[in-house]
């Protein structure tokens, strides 16, 4: 809980992600309606060269149709970043910042059940690794009110 709001962290549980080849590196599947509020990486191996990562919302997992471009976060990790350093991006929606005042932080407002978020490396470093994570606020909407969820008997 943070400020009375229930939070959840999607994190990469398989160790670290190498930041040396541009590609989709990991996918989180969204099991409940939520609001993304902070995306980040924890550097685990010193970077040689800068790297840029994006957190892309994918409305239909496995499909490129409607895929966002850094709409749940975008981070540039500087050259020679030490292990243990954390970099993050935050959404304007959650923090009450006027979205028209800046292009940074203008993320999707909601993630629905059945969607996914892809952690993508768009500008690779020569060497280095990190662990990605995404913090969301769980929406209080009941699953039965969402057409993407069906209760089985």
N, C-alpha and C. Protein backbone atom coordinates (compact mmCIF):
# COMPACT_ATOMS: atom_id res chain seq x y z
N UNK A 1 0.84 -1.18 0.00
CA UNK A 1 0.00 0.00 0.00
C UNK A 1 0.88 1.24 0.00
N UNK A 2 0.44 2.21 -0.76
CA UNK A 2 1.15 3.48 -0.82
C UNK A 2 0.08 4.55 -0.88
N UNK A 3 -0.02 5.38 0.14
CA UNK A 3 -1.06 6.40 0.17
C UNK A 3 -2.44 5.79 0.14
N UNK A 4 -2.60 4.59 0.72
CA UNK A 4 -3.89 3.91 0.75
C UNK A 4 -4.23 3.18 -0.54
N UNK A 5 -3.32 3.16 -1.50
CA UNK A 5 -3.57 2.50 -2.78
C UNK A 5 -2.75 1.21 -2.87
N UNK A 6 -3.40 0.17 -3.38
CA UNK A 6 -2.74 -1.12 -3.50
C UNK A 6 -1.86 -1.14 -4.74
N UNK A 7 -0.57 -1.45 -4.53
CA UNK A 7 0.38 -1.48 -5.63
C UNK A 7 0.84 -2.91 -5.89
N UNK A 8 1.35 -3.12 -7.10
CA UNK A 8 1.90 -4.41 -7.49
C UNK A 8 3.12 -4.15 -8.36
N UNK A 9 4.15 -4.96 -8.22
CA UNK A 9 5.35 -4.82 -9.03
C UNK A 9 5.50 -6.00 -9.98
N UNK A 10 5.50 -5.72 -11.28
CA UNK A 10 5.87 -6.72 -12.27
C UNK A 10 7.38 -6.65 -12.34
N UNK A 11 8.05 -7.77 -12.16
CA UNK A 11 9.50 -7.74 -12.24
C UNK A 11 10.01 -8.95 -13.01
N UNK A 12 11.22 -8.82 -13.47
CA UNK A 12 11.86 -9.89 -14.21
C UNK A 12 12.46 -10.86 -13.21
N UNK A 13 11.97 -12.09 -13.18
CA UNK A 13 12.39 -13.06 -12.16
C UNK A 13 13.49 -14.00 -12.61
N UNK A 14 13.99 -13.83 -13.83
CA UNK A 14 14.96 -14.78 -14.37
C UNK A 14 16.39 -14.26 -14.31
N UNK A 15 16.73 -13.48 -13.30
CA UNK A 15 18.08 -12.94 -13.20
C UNK A 15 18.18 -11.57 -13.82
N UNK A 16 18.97 -11.47 -14.88
CA UNK A 16 19.16 -10.18 -15.52
C UNK A 16 18.94 -10.27 -17.03
N UNK A 17 18.74 -9.12 -17.64
CA UNK A 17 18.57 -9.01 -19.09
C UNK A 17 19.82 -8.35 -19.65
N UNK A 18 20.47 -8.97 -20.63
CA UNK A 18 21.63 -8.33 -21.25
C UNK A 18 21.14 -7.17 -22.12
N UNK A 19 21.91 -6.10 -22.13
CA UNK A 19 21.54 -4.89 -22.86
C UNK A 19 22.44 -4.68 -24.07
N UNK A 20 22.73 -5.77 -24.80
CA UNK A 20 23.69 -5.71 -25.90
C UNK A 20 23.11 -5.95 -27.28
N UNK A 21 21.89 -6.41 -27.41
CA UNK A 21 21.28 -6.66 -28.71
C UNK A 21 19.86 -6.10 -28.71
N UNK A 22 19.56 -5.21 -29.65
CA UNK A 22 18.22 -4.63 -29.73
C UNK A 22 17.19 -5.72 -30.01
N UNK A 23 16.19 -5.80 -29.14
CA UNK A 23 15.13 -6.80 -29.30
C UNK A 23 14.13 -6.65 -28.15
N UNK A 24 12.99 -7.34 -28.29
CA UNK A 24 12.08 -7.48 -27.16
C UNK A 24 12.77 -8.43 -26.19
N UNK A 25 12.91 -8.00 -24.93
CA UNK A 25 13.67 -8.79 -23.96
C UNK A 25 12.80 -9.58 -22.99
N UNK A 26 11.59 -9.06 -22.72
CA UNK A 26 10.73 -9.76 -21.76
C UNK A 26 9.31 -9.25 -21.92
N UNK A 27 8.33 -10.10 -21.59
CA UNK A 27 6.91 -9.71 -21.66
C UNK A 27 6.23 -10.05 -20.35
N UNK A 28 5.51 -9.06 -19.80
CA UNK A 28 4.65 -9.28 -18.63
C UNK A 28 3.22 -9.34 -19.13
N UNK A 29 2.44 -10.31 -18.61
CA UNK A 29 1.03 -10.43 -18.96
C UNK A 29 0.22 -9.86 -17.81
N UNK A 30 -0.75 -9.02 -18.13
CA UNK A 30 -1.52 -8.28 -17.13
C UNK A 30 -2.73 -9.10 -16.70
N UNK A 31 -2.79 -9.53 -15.41
CA UNK A 31 -3.90 -10.36 -14.94
C UNK A 31 -5.05 -9.58 -14.32
N UNK A 32 -4.91 -8.25 -14.17
CA UNK A 32 -5.94 -7.42 -13.56
C UNK A 32 -5.83 -6.00 -14.09
N UNK A 33 -6.93 -5.28 -14.06
CA UNK A 33 -6.91 -3.89 -14.53
C UNK A 33 -6.06 -3.06 -13.57
N UNK A 34 -5.17 -2.23 -14.14
CA UNK A 34 -4.26 -1.46 -13.30
C UNK A 34 -3.77 -0.20 -14.01
N UNK A 35 -3.16 0.68 -13.24
CA UNK A 35 -2.59 1.92 -13.77
C UNK A 35 -1.07 1.87 -13.60
N UNK A 36 -0.31 1.93 -14.70
CA UNK A 36 1.15 1.96 -14.56
C UNK A 36 1.58 3.29 -13.96
N UNK A 37 2.46 3.25 -12.96
CA UNK A 37 2.89 4.50 -12.33
C UNK A 37 4.40 4.71 -12.36
N UNK A 38 5.18 3.64 -12.41
CA UNK A 38 6.64 3.80 -12.45
C UNK A 38 7.26 2.59 -13.13
N UNK A 39 8.15 2.85 -14.09
CA UNK A 39 8.89 1.79 -14.78
C UNK A 39 10.36 2.01 -14.52
N UNK A 40 11.11 0.93 -14.36
CA UNK A 40 12.52 1.13 -14.08
C UNK A 40 13.39 -0.07 -14.38
N UNK A 41 14.69 0.17 -14.23
CA UNK A 41 15.69 -0.88 -14.36
C UNK A 41 16.69 -0.73 -13.23
N UNK A 42 17.14 -1.86 -12.71
CA UNK A 42 18.23 -1.89 -11.75
C UNK A 42 19.43 -2.48 -12.48
N UNK A 43 20.48 -1.69 -12.62
CA UNK A 43 21.66 -2.12 -13.35
C UNK A 43 22.38 -3.19 -12.53
N UNK A 44 22.71 -4.32 -13.18
CA UNK A 44 23.36 -5.43 -12.48
C UNK A 44 24.79 -5.66 -12.96
N UNK A 45 25.11 -5.21 -14.17
CA UNK A 45 26.47 -5.30 -14.72
C UNK A 45 26.79 -3.95 -15.37
N UNK A 46 27.95 -3.39 -15.06
CA UNK A 46 28.34 -2.08 -15.57
C UNK A 46 28.14 -1.99 -17.07
N UNK A 47 27.55 -0.87 -17.53
CA UNK A 47 27.35 -0.66 -18.96
C UNK A 47 28.59 -0.09 -19.61
N UNK A 48 28.89 -0.58 -20.79
CA UNK A 48 29.91 0.03 -21.65
C UNK A 48 29.13 0.57 -22.83
N UNK A 49 28.84 1.85 -22.82
CA UNK A 49 27.97 2.47 -23.82
C UNK A 49 26.59 2.65 -23.23
N UNK A 50 25.89 3.68 -23.70
CA UNK A 50 24.54 3.95 -23.21
C UNK A 50 23.55 2.94 -23.81
N UNK A 51 22.41 2.77 -23.14
CA UNK A 51 21.35 1.89 -23.64
C UNK A 51 20.01 2.59 -23.43
N UNK A 52 19.08 2.38 -24.37
CA UNK A 52 17.73 2.91 -24.23
C UNK A 52 16.75 1.75 -24.21
N UNK A 53 15.86 1.77 -23.22
CA UNK A 53 14.85 0.72 -23.09
C UNK A 53 13.47 1.36 -23.08
N UNK A 54 12.49 0.60 -23.56
CA UNK A 54 11.10 1.06 -23.58
C UNK A 54 10.20 -0.02 -23.01
N UNK A 55 9.12 0.43 -22.41
CA UNK A 55 8.08 -0.45 -21.89
C UNK A 55 6.84 -0.20 -22.76
N UNK A 56 6.54 -1.13 -23.66
CA UNK A 56 5.47 -0.96 -24.64
C UNK A 56 4.21 -1.71 -24.24
N UNK A 57 3.07 -1.02 -24.27
CA UNK A 57 1.77 -1.66 -24.03
C UNK A 57 1.35 -2.39 -25.29
N UNK A 58 0.91 -3.65 -25.13
CA UNK A 58 0.44 -4.46 -26.25
C UNK A 58 -0.99 -4.90 -25.92
N UNK A 59 -1.99 -4.31 -26.61
CA UNK A 59 -3.39 -4.64 -26.30
C UNK A 59 -3.74 -6.11 -26.51
N UNK A 60 -3.16 -6.75 -27.55
CA UNK A 60 -3.41 -8.16 -27.81
C UNK A 60 -2.07 -8.88 -27.82
N UNK A 61 -1.75 -9.61 -26.75
CA UNK A 61 -0.46 -10.29 -26.68
C UNK A 61 -0.20 -11.16 -27.92
N UNK A 62 1.03 -11.10 -28.40
CA UNK A 62 1.41 -11.87 -29.57
C UNK A 62 1.11 -11.15 -30.88
N UNK A 63 0.49 -9.97 -30.81
CA UNK A 63 0.16 -9.23 -32.01
C UNK A 63 0.84 -7.86 -31.98
N UNK A 64 1.34 -7.41 -33.12
CA UNK A 64 1.95 -6.09 -33.20
C UNK A 64 0.90 -5.01 -33.38
N UNK A 65 -0.34 -5.40 -33.63
CA UNK A 65 -1.41 -4.44 -33.86
C UNK A 65 -1.70 -3.63 -32.60
N UNK A 66 -1.61 -2.32 -32.70
CA UNK A 66 -1.91 -1.44 -31.57
C UNK A 66 -0.78 -1.32 -30.57
N UNK A 67 0.37 -1.92 -30.85
CA UNK A 67 1.48 -1.86 -29.90
C UNK A 67 1.95 -0.42 -29.71
N UNK A 68 2.17 -0.04 -28.47
CA UNK A 68 2.66 1.29 -28.15
C UNK A 68 4.16 1.40 -28.36
N UNK A 69 4.67 2.59 -28.13
CA UNK A 69 6.10 2.84 -28.28
C UNK A 69 6.57 3.60 -27.04
N UNK A 70 6.96 2.87 -26.02
CA UNK A 70 7.39 3.50 -24.78
C UNK A 70 6.24 4.12 -24.00
N UNK A 71 5.02 3.63 -24.23
CA UNK A 71 3.86 4.25 -23.59
C UNK A 71 3.64 3.79 -22.15
N UNK A 72 4.51 2.96 -21.61
CA UNK A 72 4.53 2.64 -20.18
C UNK A 72 5.91 2.93 -19.61
N UNK A 73 6.69 3.74 -20.31
CA UNK A 73 8.00 4.14 -19.82
C UNK A 73 9.09 4.06 -20.86
N UNK A 74 10.05 4.97 -20.77
CA UNK A 74 11.22 4.97 -21.62
C UNK A 74 12.39 5.50 -20.81
N UNK A 75 13.52 4.79 -20.84
CA UNK A 75 14.67 5.13 -20.02
C UNK A 75 15.94 5.04 -20.85
N UNK A 76 16.79 6.06 -20.74
CA UNK A 76 18.13 5.99 -21.31
C UNK A 76 19.11 5.82 -20.16
N UNK A 77 19.84 4.73 -20.19
CA UNK A 77 20.82 4.42 -19.15
C UNK A 77 22.18 4.92 -19.66
N UNK A 78 22.82 5.83 -18.93
CA UNK A 78 24.08 6.41 -19.40
C UNK A 78 25.24 5.41 -19.46
N UNK A 79 26.27 5.80 -20.22
CA UNK A 79 27.51 5.02 -20.33
C UNK A 79 28.15 4.87 -18.97
N UNK A 80 28.78 3.73 -18.74
CA UNK A 80 29.51 3.38 -17.51
C UNK A 80 28.67 3.53 -16.24
N UNK A 81 27.42 3.17 -16.32
CA UNK A 81 26.57 3.16 -15.13
C UNK A 81 26.98 1.99 -14.24
N UNK A 82 27.18 2.26 -12.97
CA UNK A 82 27.63 1.23 -12.03
C UNK A 82 26.51 0.25 -11.68
N UNK A 83 26.90 -0.96 -11.34
CA UNK A 83 25.95 -1.96 -10.87
C UNK A 83 25.31 -1.46 -9.58
N UNK A 84 24.00 -1.70 -9.44
CA UNK A 84 23.26 -1.26 -8.27
C UNK A 84 22.55 0.07 -8.46
N UNK A 85 22.85 0.78 -9.52
CA UNK A 85 22.19 2.05 -9.82
C UNK A 85 20.82 1.76 -10.40
N UNK A 86 19.82 2.57 -10.01
CA UNK A 86 18.45 2.39 -10.48
C UNK A 86 18.04 3.61 -11.30
N UNK A 87 17.46 3.37 -12.46
CA UNK A 87 16.90 4.43 -13.29
C UNK A 87 15.42 4.15 -13.47
N UNK A 88 14.59 5.21 -13.45
CA UNK A 88 13.16 5.00 -13.59
C UNK A 88 12.51 6.14 -14.35
N UNK A 89 11.29 5.90 -14.80
CA UNK A 89 10.44 6.88 -15.45
C UNK A 89 9.11 6.81 -14.72
N UNK A 90 8.37 7.90 -14.71
CA UNK A 90 7.07 7.90 -14.03
C UNK A 90 6.02 8.52 -14.93
N UNK A 91 4.78 8.16 -14.70
CA UNK A 91 3.68 8.65 -15.51
C UNK A 91 3.16 9.98 -14.99
N UNK A 92 2.73 10.83 -15.90
CA UNK A 92 2.12 12.11 -15.50
C UNK A 92 0.73 11.91 -14.93
N UNK A 93 -0.01 10.91 -15.42
CA UNK A 93 -1.38 10.69 -14.95
C UNK A 93 -1.42 10.49 -13.45
N UNK A 94 -0.55 9.64 -12.95
CA UNK A 94 -0.58 9.29 -11.54
C UNK A 94 -0.14 10.44 -10.65
N UNK A 95 0.83 11.20 -11.10
CA UNK A 95 1.39 12.25 -10.26
C UNK A 95 0.72 13.60 -10.44
N UNK A 96 -0.36 13.66 -11.21
CA UNK A 96 -1.14 14.88 -11.34
C UNK A 96 -0.47 15.98 -12.15
N UNK A 97 0.49 15.63 -12.99
CA UNK A 97 1.16 16.61 -13.85
C UNK A 97 0.32 16.79 -15.11
N UNK A 98 0.17 18.01 -15.56
CA UNK A 98 -0.58 18.29 -16.77
C UNK A 98 0.11 17.63 -17.95
N UNK A 99 -0.52 16.63 -18.59
CA UNK A 99 0.12 15.92 -19.69
C UNK A 99 0.52 16.83 -20.85
N UNK A 100 -0.14 17.97 -21.02
CA UNK A 100 0.20 18.85 -22.14
C UNK A 100 1.47 19.64 -21.87
N UNK A 101 1.98 19.61 -20.62
CA UNK A 101 3.14 20.42 -20.28
C UNK A 101 4.46 19.78 -20.70
N UNK A 102 4.46 18.50 -20.99
CA UNK A 102 5.69 17.81 -21.37
C UNK A 102 5.35 16.55 -22.14
N UNK A 103 6.28 16.09 -22.96
CA UNK A 103 6.05 14.82 -23.66
C UNK A 103 6.51 13.65 -22.80
N UNK A 104 7.43 13.88 -21.87
CA UNK A 104 7.89 12.80 -20.99
C UNK A 104 6.77 12.41 -20.05
N UNK A 105 6.62 11.14 -19.83
CA UNK A 105 5.63 10.66 -18.86
C UNK A 105 4.21 10.56 -19.38
N UNK A 106 3.97 10.82 -20.66
CA UNK A 106 2.62 10.71 -21.20
C UNK A 106 2.35 9.27 -21.60
N UNK A 107 2.03 8.46 -20.60
CA UNK A 107 1.82 7.04 -20.78
C UNK A 107 0.36 6.72 -20.98
N UNK A 108 0.11 5.43 -21.28
CA UNK A 108 -1.26 4.94 -21.29
C UNK A 108 -1.77 5.03 -19.85
N UNK A 109 -3.03 5.36 -19.71
CA UNK A 109 -3.57 5.55 -18.36
C UNK A 109 -3.92 4.23 -17.68
N UNK A 110 -4.39 3.26 -18.45
CA UNK A 110 -4.80 1.97 -17.87
C UNK A 110 -4.26 0.80 -18.67
N UNK A 111 -4.03 -0.29 -17.97
CA UNK A 111 -3.75 -1.58 -18.59
C UNK A 111 -4.91 -2.48 -18.20
N UNK A 112 -5.46 -3.20 -19.17
CA UNK A 112 -6.59 -4.09 -18.90
C UNK A 112 -6.14 -5.55 -18.84
N UNK A 113 -6.97 -6.37 -18.20
CA UNK A 113 -6.72 -7.80 -18.17
C UNK A 113 -6.56 -8.31 -19.59
N UNK A 114 -5.61 -9.21 -19.79
CA UNK A 114 -5.41 -9.78 -21.11
C UNK A 114 -4.42 -9.02 -21.97
N UNK A 115 -4.00 -7.82 -21.54
CA UNK A 115 -2.98 -7.08 -22.29
C UNK A 115 -1.61 -7.51 -21.79
N UNK A 116 -0.57 -6.99 -22.43
CA UNK A 116 0.78 -7.27 -21.97
C UNK A 116 1.63 -6.01 -22.08
N UNK A 117 2.77 -6.03 -21.40
CA UNK A 117 3.76 -4.97 -21.48
C UNK A 117 5.08 -5.63 -21.87
N UNK A 118 5.69 -5.12 -22.95
CA UNK A 118 6.93 -5.67 -23.45
C UNK A 118 8.08 -4.75 -23.06
N UNK A 119 9.13 -5.34 -22.47
CA UNK A 119 10.36 -4.62 -22.17
C UNK A 119 11.25 -4.77 -23.39
N UNK A 120 11.54 -3.64 -24.05
CA UNK A 120 12.25 -3.65 -25.33
C UNK A 120 13.54 -2.84 -25.24
N UNK A 121 14.62 -3.40 -25.76
CA UNK A 121 15.88 -2.67 -25.87
C UNK A 121 15.93 -2.07 -27.27
N UNK A 122 15.99 -0.72 -27.34
CA UNK A 122 15.96 -0.04 -28.65
C UNK A 122 17.31 0.56 -29.04
N UNK A 123 18.21 0.72 -28.09
CA UNK A 123 19.56 1.22 -28.37
C UNK A 123 20.51 0.46 -27.45
N UNK A 124 21.29 -0.42 -28.02
CA UNK A 124 22.10 -1.35 -27.23
C UNK A 124 23.43 -0.75 -26.77
N UNK A 125 23.90 -1.25 -25.64
CA UNK A 125 25.24 -0.94 -25.13
C UNK A 125 26.20 -2.01 -25.67
N UNK A 126 27.49 -1.78 -25.54
CA UNK A 126 28.48 -2.79 -25.95
C UNK A 126 28.46 -3.96 -24.98
N UNK A 127 28.29 -3.65 -23.68
CA UNK A 127 28.14 -4.68 -22.66
C UNK A 127 27.32 -4.10 -21.52
N UNK A 128 26.77 -4.98 -20.69
CA UNK A 128 25.98 -4.55 -19.54
C UNK A 128 24.69 -5.34 -19.42
N UNK A 129 24.10 -5.27 -18.23
CA UNK A 129 22.85 -5.99 -17.96
C UNK A 129 22.06 -5.26 -16.87
N UNK A 130 20.76 -5.54 -16.83
CA UNK A 130 19.88 -4.90 -15.84
C UNK A 130 18.69 -5.80 -15.57
N UNK A 131 17.97 -5.49 -14.50
CA UNK A 131 16.72 -6.17 -14.17
C UNK A 131 15.59 -5.16 -14.31
N UNK A 132 14.63 -5.38 -15.23
CA UNK A 132 13.52 -4.45 -15.41
C UNK A 132 12.38 -4.70 -14.45
N UNK A 133 11.60 -3.65 -14.17
CA UNK A 133 10.42 -3.76 -13.31
C UNK A 133 9.41 -2.68 -13.67
N UNK A 134 8.15 -2.92 -13.32
CA UNK A 134 7.06 -1.99 -13.59
C UNK A 134 6.13 -2.00 -12.38
N UNK A 135 5.89 -0.83 -11.79
CA UNK A 135 5.00 -0.73 -10.64
C UNK A 135 3.67 -0.17 -11.11
N UNK A 136 2.59 -0.84 -10.69
CA UNK A 136 1.24 -0.43 -11.07
C UNK A 136 0.37 -0.28 -9.83
N UNK A 137 -0.67 0.52 -9.98
CA UNK A 137 -1.71 0.63 -8.95
C UNK A 137 -2.87 -0.25 -9.41
N UNK A 138 -3.30 -1.17 -8.56
CA UNK A 138 -4.38 -2.07 -8.91
C UNK A 138 -5.69 -1.29 -8.90
N UNK A 139 -6.46 -1.41 -9.99
CA UNK A 139 -7.74 -0.73 -10.11
C UNK A 139 -8.78 -1.45 -9.28
N UNK A 140 -9.67 -0.69 -8.68
CA UNK A 140 -10.67 -1.30 -7.80
C UNK A 140 -11.85 -1.90 -8.56
N UNK A 141 -11.86 -1.80 -9.86
CA UNK A 141 -12.94 -2.35 -10.67
C UNK A 141 -13.05 -3.86 -10.46
N UNK A 142 -14.27 -4.36 -10.39
CA UNK A 142 -14.50 -5.79 -10.22
C UNK A 142 -14.28 -6.51 -11.54
N UNK A 143 -13.61 -7.68 -11.53
CA UNK A 143 -13.35 -8.42 -12.77
C UNK A 143 -14.62 -8.72 -13.57
N UNK A 144 -15.73 -8.96 -12.90
CA UNK A 144 -16.98 -9.28 -13.60
C UNK A 144 -17.50 -8.15 -14.45
N UNK A 145 -17.02 -6.93 -14.23
CA UNK A 145 -17.45 -5.77 -15.02
C UNK A 145 -16.56 -5.56 -16.24
N UNK A 146 -15.59 -6.39 -16.43
CA UNK A 146 -14.67 -6.23 -17.56
C UNK A 146 -14.91 -7.37 -18.54
N UNK A 147 -15.19 -7.03 -19.79
CA UNK A 147 -15.52 -8.05 -20.80
C UNK A 147 -14.32 -8.94 -21.14
N UNK A 148 -13.10 -8.56 -20.73
CA UNK A 148 -11.94 -9.40 -21.02
C UNK A 148 -11.81 -10.56 -20.04
N UNK A 149 -12.64 -10.59 -18.99
CA UNK A 149 -12.55 -11.66 -18.00
C UNK A 149 -13.85 -12.45 -17.93
N UNK A 150 -13.72 -13.77 -17.82
CA UNK A 150 -14.87 -14.65 -17.72
C UNK A 150 -14.68 -15.60 -16.55
N UNK A 151 -15.64 -15.64 -15.65
CA UNK A 151 -15.60 -16.54 -14.50
C UNK A 151 -16.03 -17.92 -14.95
N UNK A 152 -15.23 -18.94 -14.61
CA UNK A 152 -15.60 -20.30 -14.98
C UNK A 152 -16.30 -20.97 -13.81
N UNK A 153 -17.14 -21.94 -14.12
CA UNK A 153 -17.92 -22.62 -13.07
C UNK A 153 -17.11 -23.68 -12.38
